Amino acid sequence: MPNYRVEFAKEILGVPFTIGSVAIMRARDPERARRAAELRFARQHGLGDWRELADLATVAERL
């Protein structure tokens, strides 16, 4: 299974500023990796939903 890195960013005046990232070591596909990272990011920051802190979540496959 591939590894993924999901970056979370806050968009200010149309410019995304990365505020954090989460590495997912194993996921079947990018969508599952994104969902797992959203949950982990929210837990790490004590939030109910990751969108309270970030606007964007982008997934990149790691080699």
Protein backbone atom coordinates (compact mmCIF):
# COMPACT_ATOMS: atom_id res chain seq x y z
CA MET A 1 0.00 0.00 0.00
CA PRO A 2 1.28 3.48 -0.80
CA ASN A 3 2.24 6.16 1.72
CA TYR A 4 0.60 9.57 1.61
CA ARG A 5 1.20 13.03 3.05
CA VAL A 6 -1.80 15.28 3.55
CA GLU A 7 -1.15 18.99 3.96
CA PHE A 8 -3.65 21.31 5.60
CA ALA A 9 -3.70 24.99 4.66
CA LYS A 10 -5.53 28.17 5.52
CA GLU A 11 -6.36 30.31 2.52
CA ILE A 12 -5.85 34.05 3.03
CA LEU A 13 -6.62 36.40 0.15
CA GLY A 14 -6.50 33.44 -2.23
CA VAL A 15 -3.05 32.29 -1.09
CA PRO A 16 -2.77 28.95 0.74
CA PHE A 17 -0.57 28.91 3.85
CA THR A 18 0.33 25.45 5.13
CA ILE A 19 -0.49 25.09 8.82
CA GLY A 20 0.20 21.39 9.25
CA SER A 21 0.62 18.02 7.63
CA VAL A 22 -0.09 14.41 8.49
CA ALA A 23 1.71 11.34 7.16
CA ILE A 24 -0.42 8.28 6.48
CA MET A 25 1.78 5.21 6.20
CA ARG A 26 -0.72 2.87 4.56
CA ALA A 27 -3.97 3.58 2.74
CA ARG A 28 -5.76 1.87 -0.13
CA ASP A 29 -6.26 5.08 -2.08
CA PRO A 30 -5.83 8.87 -1.75
CA GLU A 31 -9.43 9.37 -0.60
CA ARG A 32 -8.99 7.01 2.37
CA ALA A 33 -5.69 8.67 3.20
CA ARG A 34 -7.34 12.11 3.17
CA ARG A 35 -10.13 10.96 5.48
CA ALA A 36 -7.72 9.35 7.93
CA ALA A 37 -5.54 12.48 7.95
CA GLU A 38 -8.55 14.74 8.54
CA LEU A 39 -9.50 12.74 11.63
CA ARG A 40 -5.92 12.65 12.95
CA PHE A 41 -5.41 16.39 12.32
CA ALA A 42 -8.62 17.23 14.20
CA ARG A 43 -7.62 15.01 17.15
CA GLN A 44 -4.10 16.47 17.29
CA HIS A 45 -5.50 19.99 17.56
CA GLY A 46 -8.42 19.16 19.85
CA LEU A 47 -11.04 20.04 17.24
CA GLY A 48 -14.37 18.51 16.33
CA ASP A 49 -13.72 19.12 12.63
CA TRP A 50 -10.47 19.92 10.79
CA ARG A 51 -12.21 22.76 8.91
CA GLU A 52 -12.29 24.82 12.12
CA LEU A 53 -8.56 25.47 11.59
CA ALA A 54 -7.89 24.86 7.87
CA ASP A 55 -9.60 25.51 4.54
CA LEU A 56 -7.78 23.05 2.26
CA ALA A 57 -6.51 19.47 2.50
CA THR A 58 -4.25 18.26 -0.32
CA VAL A 59 -3.00 14.70 -0.74
CA ALA A 60 0.39 13.74 -2.18
CA GLU A 61 1.67 10.20 -2.62
CA ARG A 62 5.09 9.61 -1.08
CA LEU A 63 7.63 7.28 -2.59
